[in-house]
Protein backbone atom coordinates (compact mmCIF):
# COMPACT_ATOMS: atom_id res chain seq x y z
CA MET A 1 96.58 109.80 92.26
CA PHE A 2 94.29 106.47 93.96
CA LYS A 3 95.08 103.18 94.88
CA ILE A 4 92.09 101.60 94.47
CA THR A 5 91.52 97.85 95.92
CA THR A 6 88.42 95.75 94.80
CA LYS A 7 86.78 92.78 96.81
CA ARG A 8 86.12 90.53 93.64
CA LYS A 9 88.28 89.82 90.65
CA ASP A 10 86.16 90.90 87.93
CA ASP A 11 84.89 94.51 89.69
CA SER A 12 86.41 97.09 88.45
CA VAL A 13 86.84 100.91 88.98
CA GLU A 14 87.87 103.74 86.56
CA VAL A 15 89.03 107.63 87.85
CA LYS A 16 88.63 110.50 85.91
CA ALA A 17 90.17 113.38 87.72
CA GLU A 18 90.34 116.82 87.20
CA LYS A 19 91.52 119.57 89.41
CA ASP A 20 89.22 119.75 92.21
CA ARG A 21 87.10 116.87 91.27
CA ALA A 22 87.08 112.88 90.80
CA VAL A 23 84.47 110.93 89.09
CA PHE A 24 84.96 106.89 89.93
CA ALA A 25 82.78 104.80 87.76
CA VAL A 26 82.66 101.42 89.67
CA LYS A 27 81.63 98.43 87.65
CA SER A 28 80.50 95.11 89.85
CA PRO A 29 78.95 92.51 87.69
CA PHE A 30 78.41 90.11 90.44
CA GLY A 31 76.52 93.26 92.48
CA ILE A 32 77.89 92.89 95.77
CA SER A 33 81.08 94.03 96.64
CA GLN A 34 83.60 96.44 98.14
CA ALA A 35 86.20 98.97 96.86
CA VAL A 36 89.12 100.63 99.22
CA ILE A 37 89.79 104.33 97.59
CA GLU A 38 93.17 105.35 98.88
CA ARG A 39 94.41 108.67 98.11
CA GLN A 40 98.07 109.42 97.04
CA GLU A 41 97.94 113.31 97.17
CA ASP A 42 98.05 115.52 100.45
CA THR A 43 94.33 116.20 100.48
CA TRP A 44 91.20 114.77 98.38
CA PRO A 45 89.56 116.66 95.60
CA LYS A 46 87.21 119.08 96.80
CA VAL A 47 84.27 116.93 94.86
CA VAL A 48 84.18 113.06 95.00
CA VAL A 49 81.51 111.62 92.55
CA LEU A 50 80.95 107.74 92.26
CA ARG A 51 79.24 106.13 89.13
CA LEU A 52 77.79 102.82 90.47
CA HIS A 53 76.94 100.78 87.19
CA LEU A 54 74.48 98.38 88.68
CA LYS A 55 71.06 97.25 87.97
CA GLY A 56 69.78 98.17 91.22
CA LEU A 57 71.06 99.67 94.68
CA SER A 58 69.31 97.94 97.88
CA SER A 59 72.46 98.94 100.21
CA PHE A 60 75.11 101.17 100.04
CA ARG A 61 77.77 102.56 102.36
CA ALA A 62 80.91 104.84 102.48
CA SER A 63 82.84 104.93 105.72
CA ASN A 64 86.32 107.15 106.08
CA GLY A 65 86.86 104.25 109.37
CA LYS A 66 85.32 106.91 111.85
CA VAL A 67 82.28 107.30 110.19
CA GLY A 68 79.78 105.37 107.87
CA VAL A 69 76.95 106.78 105.83
CA ASP A 70 74.65 104.20 104.40
CA ALA A 71 71.60 104.26 102.01
CA ALA A 72 69.16 102.33 100.31
CA VAL A 73 67.80 103.79 96.84
CA SER A 74 64.73 102.73 94.74
CA ILE A 75 62.02 104.21 92.55
CA GLN A 76 58.52 103.93 93.28
CA GLU A 77 55.90 105.57 90.75
CA GLY A 78 58.67 106.96 88.41
CA LYS A 79 60.38 108.62 91.16
CA THR A 80 63.51 108.40 93.20
CA GLN A 81 63.23 107.23 96.86
CA VAL A 82 66.44 107.61 98.90
CA ARG A 83 67.03 106.23 102.49
CA MET A 84 69.50 107.25 104.36
CA TRP A 85 71.27 106.94 108.08
CA LYS A 86 74.24 107.23 109.63
CA ASP A 87 76.62 104.58 111.21
CA GLY A 88 74.19 101.90 111.29
CA LYS A 89 71.06 104.00 112.81
CA GLU A 90 68.90 102.92 110.64
CA ASP A 91 66.07 103.98 112.27
CA ALA A 92 67.38 107.55 112.55
CA PRO A 93 67.26 108.68 109.14
CA LEU A 94 69.40 111.74 107.18
CA ASP A 95 67.42 114.52 106.24
CA GLU A 96 69.10 117.31 103.19
CA LYS A 97 70.41 119.26 105.98
CA SER A 98 72.69 116.26 107.50
CA PRO A 99 76.15 117.30 106.47
CA PHE A 100 76.37 113.68 105.46
CA TRP A 101 73.88 113.73 103.14
CA LEU A 102 74.81 112.14 100.04
CA ASP A 103 73.42 113.55 96.67
CA VAL A 104 71.72 110.57 95.03
CA ARG A 105 70.78 110.53 91.13
CA ILE A 106 69.81 107.51 89.27
CA VAL A 107 70.49 107.81 85.23
CA GLY A 108 69.37 105.86 82.57
CA GLY A 109 71.12 103.77 79.76
CA ASP A 110 69.70 106.62 77.66
CA GLY A 111 71.35 109.50 79.71
CA LYS A 112 68.02 110.70 81.27
CA PRO A 113 66.56 110.28 85.14
CA ALA A 114 65.84 106.70 85.31
CA LYS A 115 61.98 105.84 85.74
CA GLU A 116 62.27 101.88 87.11
CA LEU A 117 64.49 99.58 88.05
CA PRO A 118 66.60 97.18 87.36
CA LEU A 119 68.61 99.55 85.41
CA LYS A 120 69.30 98.71 81.87
CA GLY A 121 72.89 100.29 81.27
CA GLY A 122 72.66 103.30 83.60
CA TYR A 123 74.39 104.24 86.82
CA PHE A 124 73.34 105.26 90.32
CA GLU A 125 75.42 108.59 90.45
CA VAL A 126 76.03 109.21 94.36
CA ALA A 127 78.05 112.83 95.48
CA LEU A 128 80.16 111.95 98.67
CA PRO A 129 79.57 114.40 101.27
CA LYS A 130 82.35 116.63 102.11
CA ALA A 131 82.08 115.89 106.38
CA LEU A 132 83.66 112.35 105.07
CA PHE A 133 86.63 113.97 104.34
CA GLU A 134 87.13 116.10 107.38
CA GLY A 135 90.70 115.07 108.86
CA LYS A 136 91.97 114.17 105.63
CA PRO A 137 91.22 110.04 106.00
CA LYS A 138 93.94 108.28 104.26
CA SER A 139 90.98 105.87 102.44
CA ILE A 140 87.53 105.72 102.03
CA THR A 141 85.84 102.47 101.78
CA LEU A 142 82.52 101.42 99.62
CA ASN A 143 80.20 98.77 99.94
CA TRP A 144 77.16 97.93 98.02
CA ILE A 145 74.38 95.62 97.31
CA ASP A 146 72.52 95.71 93.94
CA PHE A 147 69.29 93.71 95.32
CA TYR A 148 69.07 91.69 98.47
CA ARG A 149 69.01 87.61 96.68
């Protein structure tokens, strides 16, 4: 259903596709990389979820070639903090009413919401917004950085 190209040889992306939903499990040992997901079907699933198996997520970007959504995720005092913006305009943050809002959860190695970073065995779950798939783009490009070094 999908052709996936990763930037680094040791990156991997596993797909669990159901009728209206696809979950992409991204593993990136180095922590800084990119993946291009190209659809082979006529349309994208109604729900596209990423599970980024990283220790942190200080920078994330999903782009369809016309528009890009960026996020930086952290945990402060046990609570998930997400900053989100579109097309590189970090000074114009998105709010939950934006059609480009990313639904982000941080799941710890025990399957419960994480309380601290770096993650140990957990993942960042990002539900991509429907607006990113308007116009049926052929591919979506993902970029991530676990921690700035």
